[in-house]
Amino acid sequence: MIINGNDMDFKEGITIEELLNNLKINKDKVVVEVDLNIIDKDEYNSFKLSTDSKVEIIRFVGGG
């Protein structure tokens, strides 16, 4: 699985929510794209990733 351009090992069928928990990322502060498709936050606990998924995790950064 490729996450933000890095090859990482996670089990087949892991959900986006499980992935974010493993990476200690707050799901409320990111947008997740899988294979060029933005995934709705309501699907994070049911959307299963495959070992060949390409995942981009985009974090919101405050500023001003």
Protein backbone atom coordinates (compact mmCIF):
# COMPACT_ATOMS: atom_id res chain seq x y z
CA MET A 1 0.00 0.00 0.00
CA ILE A 2 1.33 3.42 -0.86
CA ILE A 3 0.51 6.16 1.64
CA ASN A 4 1.50 9.73 0.77
CA GLY A 5 4.09 8.36 -1.63
CA ASN A 6 5.63 5.90 0.86
CA ASP A 7 5.35 2.12 0.54
CA MET A 8 3.87 0.82 3.81
CA ASP A 9 2.74 -2.63 4.95
CA PHE A 10 -0.80 -2.98 6.28
CA LYS A 11 -3.10 -6.00 6.18
CA GLU A 12 -5.44 -6.51 3.24
CA GLY A 13 -8.93 -5.21 4.03
CA ILE A 14 -7.93 -2.63 6.65
CA THR A 15 -10.46 0.22 6.79
CA ILE A 16 -9.51 3.86 6.41
CA GLU A 17 -10.50 4.42 10.05
CA GLU A 18 -8.20 1.59 11.21
CA LEU A 19 -5.38 2.98 9.07
CA LEU A 20 -5.76 6.47 10.53
CA ASN A 21 -5.87 5.03 14.07
CA ASN A 22 -2.68 3.03 13.40
CA LEU A 23 -0.99 6.19 12.13
CA LYS A 24 -2.37 8.19 15.09
CA ILE A 25 -4.12 10.65 12.79
CA ASN A 26 -7.35 12.39 13.83
CA LYS A 27 -9.92 11.57 11.14
CA ASP A 28 -11.69 14.89 11.72
CA LYS A 29 -8.64 16.87 10.56
CA VAL A 30 -7.90 15.11 7.27
CA VAL A 31 -9.30 14.27 3.87
CA VAL A 32 -8.47 10.83 2.47
CA GLU A 33 -8.09 10.08 -1.22
CA VAL A 34 -7.86 6.47 -2.42
CA ASP A 35 -6.84 5.75 -6.01
CA LEU A 36 -7.61 9.37 -6.99
CA ASN A 37 -11.10 9.34 -5.38
CA ILE A 38 -11.93 11.40 -2.30
CA ILE A 39 -13.66 9.19 0.27
CA ASP A 40 -16.54 10.58 2.34
CA LYS A 41 -15.83 10.59 6.10
CA ASP A 42 -19.00 8.53 6.64
CA GLU A 43 -17.30 5.68 4.75
CA TYR A 44 -14.03 5.64 6.73
CA ASN A 45 -15.21 2.80 9.00
CA SER A 46 -16.45 0.63 6.11
CA PHE A 47 -14.20 1.45 3.13
CA LYS A 48 -11.65 -1.37 2.87
CA LEU A 49 -8.21 -0.85 1.40
CA SER A 50 -6.25 -3.36 -0.65
CA THR A 51 -2.51 -3.92 -0.59
CA ASP A 52 -2.21 -2.09 -3.92
CA SER A 53 -4.24 0.97 -2.86
CA LYS A 54 -2.69 4.39 -3.34
CA VAL A 55 -3.73 6.54 -0.39
CA GLU A 56 -3.21 10.27 0.07
CA ILE A 57 -3.93 11.73 3.50
CA ILE A 58 -4.32 15.49 3.32
CA ARG A 59 -4.14 17.34 6.63
CA PHE A 60 -5.86 20.63 7.35
CA VAL A 61 -3.46 23.28 8.61
CA GLY A 62 -4.69 26.46 10.24
CA GLY A 63 -2.98 29.74 9.67
CA GLY A 64 -3.52 33.30 8.99
